[in-house]
Amino acid sequence: MSGGNLDNMGLLIRLERENGDVLAEVQDPQDFIWRHLPEGDDKLLKLLGYIDPYGNTVFNRLQMPDLLQEWREVMIKDAQPDEINLLKAIESMAVKCEIGPHLYLKFYGD
């Protein structure tokens, strides 16, 4: 994958078209996302709990309402000032994914 993750670079999050064209991307080199996800088997997380730190995770527009609700409750709610720009950028990509057909929000793990 060109432009993908390098070792110890955290997650790469992309908004992509069905054909793989990248519309937007952000890197999470400080692992901000992992700091916000609850540990263990959290039954309240329908989607965020499926983000694989070592593999790739793909979400489609039909999943965006649930993902956005979880994102705002888990990620944005307790974000620190140095995290907020990254987390809001991912939220913005999710909003675009929700309203656009053939768009996917992809989390690329290490």
Protein backbone atom coordinates (compact mmCIF):
# COMPACT_ATOMS: atom_id res chain seq x y z
CA MET A 1 0.00 0.00 0.00
CA SER A 2 1.68 3.21 -1.06
CA GLY A 3 1.50 6.03 1.47
CA GLY A 4 0.45 3.49 4.10
CA ASN A 5 1.59 2.88 7.61
CA LEU A 6 5.17 2.65 8.68
CA ASP A 7 6.16 0.74 11.81
CA ASN A 8 5.20 2.57 14.99
CA MET A 9 3.19 5.16 13.09
CA GLY A 10 -0.16 4.33 14.65
CA LEU A 11 -3.33 4.14 12.62
CA LEU A 12 -3.79 5.66 9.20
CA ILE A 13 -7.40 6.72 8.64
CA ARG A 14 -8.67 7.39 5.14
CA LEU A 15 -11.88 8.37 3.41
CA GLU A 16 -11.83 6.44 0.14
CA ARG A 17 -13.98 5.95 -2.91
CA GLU A 18 -15.04 2.47 -3.92
CA ASN A 19 -12.17 2.31 -6.44
CA GLY A 20 -9.60 3.16 -3.74
CA ASP A 21 -9.12 6.84 -4.57
CA VAL A 22 -8.20 8.67 -1.36
CA LEU A 23 -10.33 11.75 -0.64
CA ALA A 24 -8.84 12.56 2.77
CA GLU A 25 -6.46 10.97 5.25
CA VAL A 26 -4.99 11.52 8.67
CA GLN A 27 -2.34 9.67 10.65
CA ASP A 28 -2.62 8.96 14.39
CA PRO A 29 1.09 8.60 15.29
CA GLN A 30 0.49 9.28 18.98
CA ASP A 31 -2.22 6.58 19.25
CA PHE A 32 -4.83 9.05 20.49
CA ILE A 33 -7.60 6.71 19.33
CA TRP A 34 -6.33 3.84 21.48
CA ARG A 35 -6.22 6.05 24.56
CA HIS A 36 -9.95 6.67 24.27
CA LEU A 37 -11.20 3.19 23.52
CA PRO A 38 -12.32 1.24 26.58
CA GLU A 39 -10.31 -1.87 27.28
CA GLY A 40 -11.81 -5.30 27.33
CA ASP A 41 -15.12 -6.52 25.98
CA ASP A 42 -17.28 -3.37 25.93
CA LYS A 43 -20.74 -4.34 24.68
CA LEU A 44 -21.71 -0.66 24.32
CA LEU A 45 -19.40 -0.20 21.35
CA LYS A 46 -21.09 -1.62 18.29
CA LEU A 47 -18.45 -0.44 15.84
CA LEU A 48 -15.45 1.24 17.46
CA GLY A 49 -14.66 -1.98 19.26
CA TYR A 50 -13.99 -3.61 15.88
CA ILE A 51 -11.12 -1.31 14.92
CA ASP A 52 -8.16 -3.64 14.53
CA PRO A 53 -4.83 -2.11 15.60
CA TYR A 54 -2.89 -4.65 13.52
CA GLY A 55 -5.17 -5.06 10.50
CA ASN A 56 -7.47 -2.99 8.35
CA THR A 57 -11.03 -2.05 9.28
CA VAL A 58 -13.57 -0.74 6.78
CA PHE A 59 -16.84 1.07 7.52
CA ASN A 60 -19.53 2.02 4.98
CA ARG A 61 -22.10 4.82 4.97
CA LEU A 62 -24.86 2.67 6.48
CA GLN A 63 -22.68 2.22 9.57
CA MET A 64 -21.88 5.93 9.92
CA PRO A 65 -24.81 6.98 12.16
CA ASP A 66 -23.79 4.41 14.79
CA LEU A 67 -20.10 5.07 14.34
CA LEU A 68 -20.57 8.84 14.63
CA GLN A 69 -22.64 8.46 17.79
CA GLU A 70 -19.97 6.27 19.38
CA TRP A 71 -17.20 8.55 18.11
CA ARG A 72 -18.77 11.61 19.72
CA GLU A 73 -19.52 9.81 22.99
CA VAL A 74 -16.19 8.01 23.37
CA MET A 75 -13.62 10.00 21.42
CA ILE A 76 -14.70 13.63 21.33
CA LYS A 77 -16.26 13.84 24.79
CA ASP A 78 -13.02 13.54 26.77
CA ALA A 79 -10.52 14.71 24.15
CA GLN A 80 -7.53 16.76 25.24
CA PRO A 81 -6.63 19.96 23.35
CA ASP A 82 -3.73 18.26 21.52
CA GLU A 83 -6.04 15.46 20.34
CA ILE A 84 -9.08 17.43 19.23
CA ASN A 85 -7.90 18.43 15.73
CA LEU A 86 -7.12 14.85 14.75
CA LEU A 87 -10.33 13.46 16.23
CA LYS A 88 -12.45 16.18 14.60
CA ALA A 89 -10.77 15.50 11.24
CA ILE A 90 -11.76 11.84 11.48
CA GLU A 91 -15.27 12.83 12.51
CA SER A 92 -15.47 15.10 9.45
CA MET A 93 -14.44 12.21 7.19
CA ALA A 94 -17.14 10.04 8.79
CA VAL A 95 -19.78 12.72 8.12
CA LYS A 96 -18.72 12.87 4.45
CA CYS A 97 -18.84 9.07 4.27
CA GLU A 98 -22.37 9.08 5.69
CA ILE A 99 -23.75 11.34 2.96
CA GLY A 100 -21.81 9.98 -0.01
CA PRO A 101 -22.57 6.74 -1.82
CA HIS A 102 -19.63 4.44 -2.55
CA LEU A 103 -17.45 6.01 0.14
CA TYR A 104 -15.67 4.12 2.89
CA LEU A 105 -13.93 5.12 6.11
CA LYS A 106 -10.90 2.89 6.49
CA PHE A 107 -8.63 2.40 9.48
CA TYR A 108 -5.27 0.90 8.51
CA GLY A 109 -3.46 -0.74 11.40
CA ASP A 110 0.23 -1.53 11.79
